[in-house]
Amino acid sequence: MKLAPGIHRLAGVEFGELAAAFWESLLGAHEQALASLRRWLESAPAGQRFNGIRYLWLPAFDPLRADPRFKDILKELNLADAPGKSPAS
């Protein structure tokens, strides 16, 4: 699914890679969502990553959970692949 250019700007509001990934996932643009998550992980300061972690458990990201790239992102954040589980060693 190809989204219109400018997914990072919606109704005059600019948002970052994590928010873009949220909307892309909801819209079924899973490849774009994973790419946005990767950019977020690589560019966000540690504090923003820490604050953004809770959003990764939202149902919007459920379609991505089985994808190895999503699991890699969780692993890089030292998170388990499901809320309430311990990270794999």
PDB file of N, CA and C in Angstrom:
ATOM      1  N   MET A   1       0.848  -1.180   0.000  1.00  0.00           N
ATOM      2  CA  MET A   1       0.000   0.000   0.000  1.00  0.00           C
ATOM      3  C   MET A   1       0.885   1.232   0.000  1.00  0.00           C
ATOM      4  N   LYS A   2       0.688   2.096  -0.962  1.00  0.00           N
ATOM      5  CA  LYS A   2       1.463   3.324  -1.034  1.00  0.00           C
ATOM      6  C   LYS A   2       0.634   4.451  -0.436  1.00  0.00           C
ATOM      7  N   LEU A   3       1.214   5.128   0.535  1.00  0.00           N
ATOM      8  CA  LEU A   3       0.541   6.252   1.173  1.00  0.00           C
ATOM      9  C   LEU A   3       0.896   7.530   0.438  1.00  0.00           C
ATOM     10  N   ALA A   4       0.044   8.492   0.580  1.00  0.00           N
ATOM     11  CA  ALA A   4       0.311   9.795  -0.013  1.00  0.00           C
ATOM     12  C   ALA A   4       1.584  10.368   0.590  1.00  0.00           C
ATOM     13  N   PRO A   5       2.371  11.084  -0.213  1.00  0.00           N
ATOM     14  CA  PRO A   5       3.565  11.715   0.353  1.00  0.00           C
ATOM     15  C   PRO A   5       3.146  12.651   1.484  1.00  0.00           C
ATOM     16  N   GLY A   6       4.002  12.771   2.447  1.00  0.00           N
ATOM     17  CA  GLY A   6       3.701  13.682   3.538  1.00  0.00           C
ATOM     18  C   GLY A   6       2.955  13.038   4.684  1.00  0.00           C
ATOM     19  N   ILE A   7       3.074  11.704   4.851  1.00  0.00           N
ATOM     20  CA  ILE A   7       2.408  11.058   5.982  1.00  0.00           C
ATOM     21  C   ILE A   7       2.860  11.674   7.298  1.00  0.00           C
ATOM     22  N   HIS A   8       4.047  12.296   7.289  1.00  0.00           N
ATOM     23  CA  HIS A   8       4.554  12.921   8.501  1.00  0.00           C
ATOM     24  C   HIS A   8       3.877  14.264   8.787  1.00  0.00           C
ATOM     25  N   ARG A   9       3.046  14.713   7.856  1.00  0.00           N
ATOM     26  CA  ARG A   9       2.266  15.939   8.081  1.00  0.00           C
ATOM     27  C   ARG A   9       0.813  15.612   7.776  1.00  0.00           C
ATOM     28  N   LEU A  10      -0.022  15.806   8.748  1.00  0.00           N
ATOM     29  CA  LEU A  10      -1.438  15.510   8.597  1.00  0.00           C
ATOM     30  C   LEU A  10      -2.208  16.680   9.187  1.00  0.00           C
ATOM     31  N   ALA A  11      -3.053  17.282   8.384  1.00  0.00           N
ATOM     32  CA  ALA A  11      -3.862  18.419   8.828  1.00  0.00           C
ATOM     33  C   ALA A  11      -2.999  19.514   9.456  1.00  0.00           C
ATOM     34  N   GLY A  12      -1.816  19.740   8.863  1.00  0.00           N
ATOM     35  CA  GLY A  12      -0.972  20.828   9.330  1.00  0.00           C
ATOM     36  C   GLY A  12      -0.186  20.518  10.590  1.00  0.00           C
ATOM     37  N   VAL A  13      -0.257  19.289  11.079  1.00  0.00           N
ATOM     38  CA  VAL A  13       0.480  18.917  12.282  1.00  0.00           C
ATOM     39  C   VAL A  13       1.610  17.985  11.866  1.00  0.00           C
ATOM     40  N   GLU A  14       2.811  18.325  12.258  1.00  0.00           N
ATOM     41  CA  GLU A  14       3.957  17.487  11.931  1.00  0.00           C
ATOM     42  C   GLU A  14       4.213  16.523  13.080  1.00  0.00           C
ATOM     43  N   PHE A  15       4.491  15.274  12.751  1.00  0.00           N
ATOM     44  CA  PHE A  15       4.800  14.314  13.800  1.00  0.00           C
ATOM     45  C   PHE A  15       5.975  13.452  13.381  1.00  0.00           C
ATOM     46  N   GLY A  16       6.551  12.756  14.347  1.00  0.00           N
ATOM     47  CA  GLY A  16       7.783  12.019  14.125  1.00  0.00           C
ATOM     48  C   GLY A  16       7.577  10.608  13.620  1.00  0.00           C
ATOM     49  N   GLU A  17       8.693   9.893  13.587  1.00  0.00           N
ATOM     50  CA  GLU A  17       8.716   8.552  13.021  1.00  0.00           C
ATOM     51  C   GLU A  17       7.846   7.562  13.783  1.00  0.00           C
ATOM     52  N   LEU A  18       7.802   7.654  15.100  1.00  0.00           N
ATOM     53  CA  LEU A  18       6.979   6.717  15.876  1.00  0.00           C
ATOM     54  C   LEU A  18       5.499   6.930  15.580  1.00  0.00           C
ATOM     55  N   ALA A  19       5.075   8.167  15.522  1.00  0.00           N
ATOM     56  CA  ALA A  19       3.675   8.456  15.188  1.00  0.00           C
ATOM     57  C   ALA A  19       3.370   8.028  13.756  1.00  0.00           C
ATOM     58  N   ALA A  20       4.318   8.246  12.862  1.00  0.00           N
ATOM     59  CA  ALA A  20       4.121   7.809  11.476  1.00  0.00           C
ATOM     60  C   ALA A  20       3.957   6.298  11.432  1.00  0.00           C
ATOM     61  N   ALA A  21       4.799   5.578  12.169  1.00  0.00           N
ATOM     62  CA  ALA A  21       4.701   4.112  12.200  1.00  0.00           C
ATOM     63  C   ALA A  21       3.338   3.662  12.725  1.00  0.00           C
ATOM     64  N   PHE A  22       2.840   4.342  13.734  1.00  0.00           N
ATOM     65  CA  PHE A  22       1.521   4.033  14.290  1.00  0.00           C
ATOM     66  C   PHE A  22       0.450   4.122  13.207  1.00  0.00           C
ATOM     67  N   TRP A  23       0.416   5.249  12.513  1.00  0.00           N
ATOM     68  CA  TRP A  23      -0.614   5.450  11.484  1.00  0.00           C
ATOM     69  C   TRP A  23      -0.398   4.537  10.288  1.00  0.00           C
ATOM     70  N   GLU A  24       0.838   4.344   9.901  1.00  0.00           N
ATOM     71  CA  GLU A  24       1.113   3.455   8.772  1.00  0.00           C
ATOM     72  C   GLU A  24       0.652   2.034   9.079  1.00  0.00           C
ATOM     73  N   SER A  25       0.901   1.592  10.299  1.00  0.00           N
ATOM     74  CA  SER A  25       0.462   0.245  10.682  1.00  0.00           C
ATOM     75  C   SER A  25      -1.061   0.155  10.669  1.00  0.00           C
ATOM     76  N   LEU A  26      -1.715   1.166  11.219  1.00  0.00           N
ATOM     77  CA  LEU A  26      -3.186   1.175  11.215  1.00  0.00           C
ATOM     78  C   LEU A  26      -3.753   1.161   9.803  1.00  0.00           C
ATOM     79  N   LEU A  27      -3.063   1.816   8.883  1.00  0.00           N
ATOM     80  CA  LEU A  27      -3.525   1.893   7.501  1.00  0.00           C
ATOM     81  C   LEU A  27      -3.118   0.678   6.668  1.00  0.00           C
ATOM     82  N   GLY A  28      -2.424  -0.267   7.298  1.00  0.00           N
ATOM     83  CA  GLY A  28      -2.023  -1.469   6.588  1.00  0.00           C
ATOM     84  C   GLY A  28      -0.735  -1.334   5.800  1.00  0.00           C
ATOM     85  N   ALA A  29      -0.029  -0.239   5.972  1.00  0.00           N
ATOM     86  CA  ALA A  29       1.243  -0.014   5.277  1.00  0.00           C
ATOM     87  C   ALA A  29       2.369  -0.534   6.165  1.00  0.00           C
ATOM     88  N   HIS A  30       2.440  -1.847   6.303  1.00  0.00           N
ATOM     89  CA  HIS A  30       3.342  -2.457   7.275  1.00  0.00           C
ATOM     90  C   HIS A  30       4.815  -2.260   6.939  1.00  0.00           C
ATOM     91  N   GLU A  31       5.172  -2.305   5.667  1.00  0.00           N
ATOM     92  CA  GLU A  31       6.569  -2.069   5.283  1.00  0.00           C
ATOM     93  C   GLU A  31       6.998  -0.661   5.677  1.00  0.00           C
ATOM     94  N   GLN A  32       6.144   0.318   5.391  1.00  0.00           N
ATOM     95  CA  GLN A  32       6.461   1.701   5.766  1.00  0.00           C
ATOM     96  C   GLN A  32       6.521   1.854   7.279  1.00  0.00           C
ATOM     97  N   ALA A  33       5.615   1.173   7.985  1.00  0.00           N
ATOM     98  CA  ALA A  33       5.604   1.254   9.448  1.00  0.00           C
ATOM     99  C   ALA A  33       6.913   0.718  10.022  1.00  0.00           C
ATOM    100  N   LEU A  34       7.369  -0.408   9.498  1.00  0.00           N
ATOM    101  CA  LEU A  34       8.625  -0.973   9.980  1.00  0.00           C
ATOM    102  C   LEU A  34       9.801  -0.055   9.656  1.00  0.00           C
ATOM    103  N   ALA A  35       9.789   0.552   8.489  1.00  0.00           N
ATOM    104  CA  ALA A  35      10.852   1.493   8.125  1.00  0.00           C
ATOM    105  C   ALA A  35      10.824   2.720   9.044  1.00  0.00           C
ATOM    106  N   SER A  36       9.641   3.223   9.347  1.00  0.00           N
ATOM    107  CA  SER A  36       9.521   4.368  10.259  1.00  0.00           C
ATOM    108  C   SER A  36       9.995   3.999  11.657  1.00  0.00           C
ATOM    109  N   LEU A  37       9.658   2.796  12.121  1.00  0.00           N
ATOM    110  CA  LEU A  37      10.133   2.350  13.432  1.00  0.00           C
ATOM    111  C   LEU A  37      11.651   2.261  13.460  1.00  0.00           C
ATOM    112  N   ARG A  38      12.230   1.761  12.389  1.00  0.00           N
ATOM    113  CA  ARG A  38      13.690   1.666  12.311  1.00  0.00           C
ATOM    114  C   ARG A  38      14.314   3.055  12.365  1.00  0.00           C
ATOM    115  N   ARG A  39      13.756   4.006  11.605  1.00  0.00           N
ATOM    116  CA  ARG A  39      14.289   5.382  11.629  1.00  0.00           C
ATOM    117  C   ARG A  39      14.132   5.988  13.019  1.00  0.00           C
ATOM    118  N   TRP A  40      12.996   5.721  13.680  1.00  0.00           N
ATOM    119  CA  TRP A  40      12.773   6.233  15.032  1.00  0.00           C
ATOM    120  C   TRP A  40      13.837   5.679  15.975  1.00  0.00           C
ATOM    121  N   LEU A  41      14.070   4.388  15.893  1.00  0.00           N
ATOM    122  CA  LEU A  41      15.045   3.752  16.773  1.00  0.00           C
ATOM    123  C   LEU A  41      16.433   4.329  16.550  1.00  0.00           C
ATOM    124  N   GLU A  42      16.786   4.591  15.314  1.00  0.00           N
ATOM    125  CA  GLU A  42      18.135   5.068  14.990  1.00  0.00           C
ATOM    126  C   GLU A  42      18.329   6.561  15.228  1.00  0.00           C
ATOM    127  N   SER A  43      17.253   7.333  15.249  1.00  0.00           N
ATOM    128  CA  SER A  43      17.421   8.788  15.338  1.00  0.00           C
ATOM    129  C   SER A  43      16.927   9.419  16.637  1.00  0.00           C
ATOM    130  N   ALA A  44      16.032   8.769  17.344  1.00  0.00           N
ATOM    131  CA  ALA A  44      15.465   9.379  18.553  1.00  0.00           C
ATOM    132  C   ALA A  44      16.484   9.343  19.692  1.00  0.00           C
ATOM    133  N   PRO A  45      16.587  10.433  20.442  1.00  0.00           N
ATOM    134  CA  PRO A  45      17.442  10.411  21.627  1.00  0.00           C
ATOM    135  C   PRO A  45      16.924   9.362  22.627  1.00  0.00           C
ATOM    136  N   ALA A  46      17.804   8.915  23.495  1.00  0.00           N
ATOM    137  CA  ALA A  46      17.462   7.848  24.447  1.00  0.00           C
ATOM    138  C   ALA A  46      16.193   8.168  25.240  1.00  0.00           C
ATOM    139  N   GLY A  47      16.034   9.392  25.668  1.00  0.00           N
ATOM    140  CA  GLY A  47      14.849   9.764  26.442  1.00  0.00           C
ATOM    141  C   GLY A  47      13.569   9.598  25.647  1.00  0.00           C
ATOM    142  N   GLN A  48      13.610   9.967  24.375  1.00  0.00           N
ATOM    143  CA  GLN A  48      12.420   9.794  23.530  1.00  0.00           C
ATOM    144  C   GLN A  48      12.138   8.326  23.275  1.00  0.00           C
ATOM    145  N   ARG A  49      13.188   7.535  23.098  1.00  0.00           N
ATOM    146  CA  ARG A  49      12.973   6.096  22.923  1.00  0.00           C
ATOM    147  C   ARG A  49      12.339   5.519  24.179  1.00  0.00           C
ATOM    148  N   PHE A  50      12.856   5.908  25.340  1.00  0.00           N
ATOM    149  CA  PHE A  50      12.308   5.405  26.599  1.00  0.00           C
ATOM    150  C   PHE A  50      10.834   5.766  26.724  1.00  0.00           C
ATOM    151  N   ASN A  51      10.490   7.005  26.412  1.00  0.00           N
ATOM    152  CA  ASN A  51       9.095   7.439  26.499  1.00  0.00           C
ATOM    153  C   ASN A  51       8.225   6.785  25.435  1.00  0.00           C
ATOM    154  N   GLY A  52       8.789   6.452  24.287  1.00  0.00           N
ATOM    155  CA  GLY A  52       8.011   5.876  23.201  1.00  0.00           C
ATOM    156  C   GLY A  52       7.755   4.392  23.329  1.00  0.00           C
ATOM    157  N   ILE A  53       8.520   3.723  24.173  1.00  0.00           N
ATOM    158  CA  ILE A  53       8.399   2.271  24.302  1.00  0.00           C
ATOM    159  C   ILE A  53       6.966   1.842  24.586  1.00  0.00           C
ATOM    160  N   ARG A  54       6.268   2.550  25.451  1.00  0.00           N
ATOM    161  CA  ARG A  54       4.907   2.133  25.828  1.00  0.00           C
ATOM    162  C   ARG A  54       3.972   2.079  24.623  1.00  0.00           C
ATOM    163  N   TYR A  55       4.245   2.883  23.603  1.00  0.00           N
ATOM    164  CA  TYR A  55       3.378   2.896  22.421  1.00  0.00           C
ATOM    165  C   TYR A  55       3.524   1.628  21.584  1.00  0.00           C
ATOM    166  N   LEU A  56       4.649   0.939  21.723  1.00  0.00           N
ATOM    167  CA  LEU A  56       4.859  -0.279  20.945  1.00  0.00           C
ATOM    168  C   LEU A  56       3.905  -1.399  21.346  1.00  0.00           C
ATOM    169  N   TRP A  57       3.259  -1.268  22.505  1.00  0.00           N
ATOM    170  CA  TRP A  57       2.303  -2.290  22.954  1.00  0.00           C
ATOM    171  C   TRP A  57       0.878  -1.973  22.525  1.00  0.00           C
ATOM    172  N   LEU A  58       0.659  -0.859  21.852  1.00  0.00           N
ATOM    173  CA  LEU A  58      -0.691  -0.525  21.392  1.00  0.00           C
ATOM    174  C   LEU A  58      -1.149  -1.520  20.324  1.00  0.00           C
ATOM    175  N   PRO A  59      -2.446  -1.802  20.269  1.00  0.00           N
ATOM    176  CA  PRO A  59      -2.965  -2.749  19.272  1.00  0.00           C
ATOM    177  C   PRO A  59      -2.649  -2.360  17.827  1.00  0.00           C
ATOM    178  N   ALA A  60      -2.371  -1.102  17.570  1.00  0.00           N
ATOM    179  CA  ALA A  60      -2.037  -0.677  16.203  1.00  0.00           C
ATOM    180  C   ALA A  60      -0.835  -1.442  15.669  1.00  0.00           C
ATOM    181  N   PHE A  61       0.065  -1.851  16.561  1.00  0.00           N
ATOM    182  CA  PHE A  61       1.270  -2.556  16.137  1.00  0.00           C
ATOM    183  C   PHE A  61       1.101  -4.073  16.124  1.00  0.00           C
ATOM    184  N   ASP A  62      -0.069  -4.576  16.480  1.00  0.00           N
ATOM    185  CA  ASP A  62      -0.285  -6.026  16.488  1.00  0.00           C
ATOM    186  C   ASP A  62       0.035  -6.691  15.147  1.00  0.00           C
ATOM    187  N   PRO A  63      -0.319  -6.085  14.014  1.00  0.00           N
ATOM    188  CA  PRO A  63       0.000  -6.750  12.743  1.00  0.00           C
ATOM    189  C   PRO A  63       1.509  -6.911  12.482  1.00  0.00           C
ATOM    190  N   LEU A  64       2.325  -6.184  13.214  1.00  0.00           N
ATOM    191  CA  LEU A  64       3.776  -6.243  13.007  1.00  0.00           C
ATOM    192  C   LEU A  64       4.480  -7.211  13.946  1.00  0.00           C
ATOM    193  N   ARG A  65       3.798  -7.660  14.984  1.00  0.00           N
ATOM    194  CA  ARG A  65       4.459  -8.421  16.053  1.00  0.00           C
ATOM    195  C   ARG A  65       5.161  -9.689  15.592  1.00  0.00           C
ATOM    196  N   ALA A  66       4.633 -10.378  14.607  1.00  0.00           N
ATOM    197  CA  ALA A  66       5.247 -11.626  14.152  1.00  0.00           C
ATOM    198  C   ALA A  66       6.418 -11.388  13.195  1.00  0.00           C
ATOM    199  N   ASP A  67       6.569 -10.171  12.717  1.00  0.00           N
ATOM    200  CA  ASP A  67       7.634  -9.863  11.763  1.00  0.00           C
ATOM    201  C   ASP A  67       8.980  -9.836  12.485  1.00  0.00           C
ATOM    202  N   PRO A  68       9.966 -10.551  11.964  1.00  0.00           N
ATOM    203  CA  PRO A  68      11.291 -10.570  12.605  1.00  0.00           C
ATOM    204  C   PRO A  68      11.913  -9.189  12.751  1.00  0.00           C
ATOM    205  N   ARG A  69      11.592  -8.265  11.851  1.00  0.00           N
ATOM    206  CA  ARG A  69      12.145  -6.905  11.957  1.00  0.00           C
ATOM    207  C   ARG A  69      11.576  -6.176  13.162  1.00  0.00           C
ATOM    208  N   PHE A  70      10.297  -6.393  13.461  1.00  0.00           N
ATOM    209  CA  PHE A  70       9.700  -5.796  14.656  1.00  0.00           C
ATOM    210  C   PHE A  70      10.331  -6.413  15.905  1.00  0.00           C
ATOM    211  N   LYS A  71      10.512  -7.726  15.873  1.00  0.00           N
ATOM    212  CA  LYS A  71      11.141  -8.405  17.008  1.00  0.00           C
ATOM    213  C   LYS A  71      12.574  -7.919  17.208  1.00  0.00           C
ATOM    214  N   ASP A  72      13.283  -7.643  16.121  1.00  0.00           N
ATOM    215  CA  ASP A  72      14.642  -7.103  16.228  1.00  0.00           C
ATOM    216  C   ASP A  72      14.641  -5.738  16.896  1.00  0.00           C
ATOM    217  N   ILE A  73      13.670  -4.907  16.550  1.00  0.00           N
ATOM    218  CA  ILE A  73      13.553  -3.582  17.171  1.00  0.00           C
ATOM    219  C   ILE A  73      13.315  -3.732  18.665  1.00  0.00           C
ATOM    220  N   LEU A  74      12.409  -4.635  19.042  1.00  0.00           N
ATOM    221  CA  LEU A  74      12.157  -4.867  20.464  1.00  0.00           C
ATOM    222  C   LEU A  74      13.411  -5.354  21.169  1.00  0.00           C
ATOM    223  N   LYS A  75      14.138  -6.242  20.513  1.00  0.00           N
ATOM    224  CA  LYS A  75      15.368  -6.782  21.104  1.00  0.00           C
ATOM    225  C   LYS A  75      16.391  -5.673  21.309  1.00  0.00           C
ATOM    226  N   GLU A  76      16.519  -4.779  20.329  1.00  0.00           N
ATOM    227  CA  GLU A  76      17.466  -3.669  20.456  1.00  0.00           C
ATOM    228  C   GLU A  76      17.088  -2.734  21.601  1.00  0.00           C
ATOM    229  N   LEU A  77      15.802  -2.685  21.922  1.00  0.00           N
ATOM    230  CA  LEU A  77      15.330  -1.875  23.039  1.00  0.00           C
ATOM    231  C   LEU A  77      15.336  -2.667  24.344  1.00  0.00           C
ATOM    232  N   ASN A  78      15.826  -3.909  24.282  1.00  0.00           N
ATOM    233  CA  ASN A  78      15.864  -4.815  25.422  1.00  0.00           C
ATOM    234  C   ASN A  78      14.459  -5.087  25.972  1.00  0.00           C
ATOM    235  N   LEU A  79      13.518  -5.297  25.041  1.00  0.00           N
ATOM    236  CA  LEU A  79      12.138  -5.581  25.414  1.00  0.00           C
ATOM    237  C   LEU A  79      11.769  -6.997  25.000  1.00  0.00           C
ATOM    238  N   ALA A  80      10.835  -7.571  25.730  1.00  0.00           N
ATOM    239  CA  ALA A  80      10.282  -8.869  25.348  1.00  0.00           C
ATOM    240  C   ALA A  80       9.370  -8.667  24.151  1.00  0.00           C
ATOM    241  N   ASP A  81       8.974  -9.764  23.516  1.00  0.00           N
ATOM    242  CA  ASP A  81       8.109  -9.631  22.346  1.00  0.00           C
ATOM    243  C   ASP A  81       6.639  -9.481  22.708  1.00  0.00           C
ATOM    244  N   ALA A  82       6.317  -9.439  23.995  1.00  0.00           N
ATOM    245  CA  ALA A  82       4.939  -9.203  24.432  1.00  0.00           C
ATOM    246  C   ALA A  82       4.993  -8.503  25.785  1.00  0.00           C
ATOM    247  N   PRO A  83       4.025  -7.621  26.058  1.00  0.00           N
ATOM    248  CA  PRO A  83       4.021  -6.934  27.346  1.00  0.00           C
ATOM    249  C   PRO A  83       3.900  -7.949  28.486  1.00  0.00           C
ATOM    250  N   GLY A  84       4.610  -7.689  29.557  1.00  0.00           N
ATOM    251  CA  GLY A  84       4.529  -8.542  30.732  1.00  0.00           C
ATOM    252  C   GLY A  84       5.468  -9.730  30.709  1.00  0.00           C
ATOM    253  N   LYS A  85       6.131  -9.972  29.581  1.00  0.00           N
ATOM    254  CA  LYS A  85       7.098 -11.057  29.496  1.00  0.00           C
ATOM    255  C   LYS A  85       8.501 -10.502  29.749  1.00  0.00           C
ATOM    256  N   SER A  86       9.378 -11.370  30.189  1.00  0.00           N
ATOM    257  CA  SER A  86      10.776 -10.964  30.366  1.00  0.00           C
ATOM    258  C   SER A  86      11.472 -10.997  29.023  1.00  0.00           C
ATOM    259  N   PRO A  87      12.422 -10.075  28.798  1.00  0.00           N
ATOM    260  CA  PRO A  87      13.181 -10.120  27.546  1.00  0.00           C
ATOM    261  C   PRO A  87      13.955 -11.421  27.430  1.00  0.00           C
ATOM    262  N   ALA A  88      14.113 -11.903  26.224  1.00  0.00           N
ATOM    263  CA  ALA A  88      14.905 -13.125  25.996  1.00  0.00           C
ATOM    264  C   ALA A  88      16.364 -12.830  26.292  1.00  0.00           C
ATOM    265  N   SER A  89      17.048 -13.814  26.814  1.00  0.00           N
ATOM    266  CA  SER A  89      18.464 -13.574  27.099  1.00  0.00           C
ATOM    267  C   SER A  89      19.319 -13.816  25.901  1.00  0.00           C
TER     268      SER A  89
END
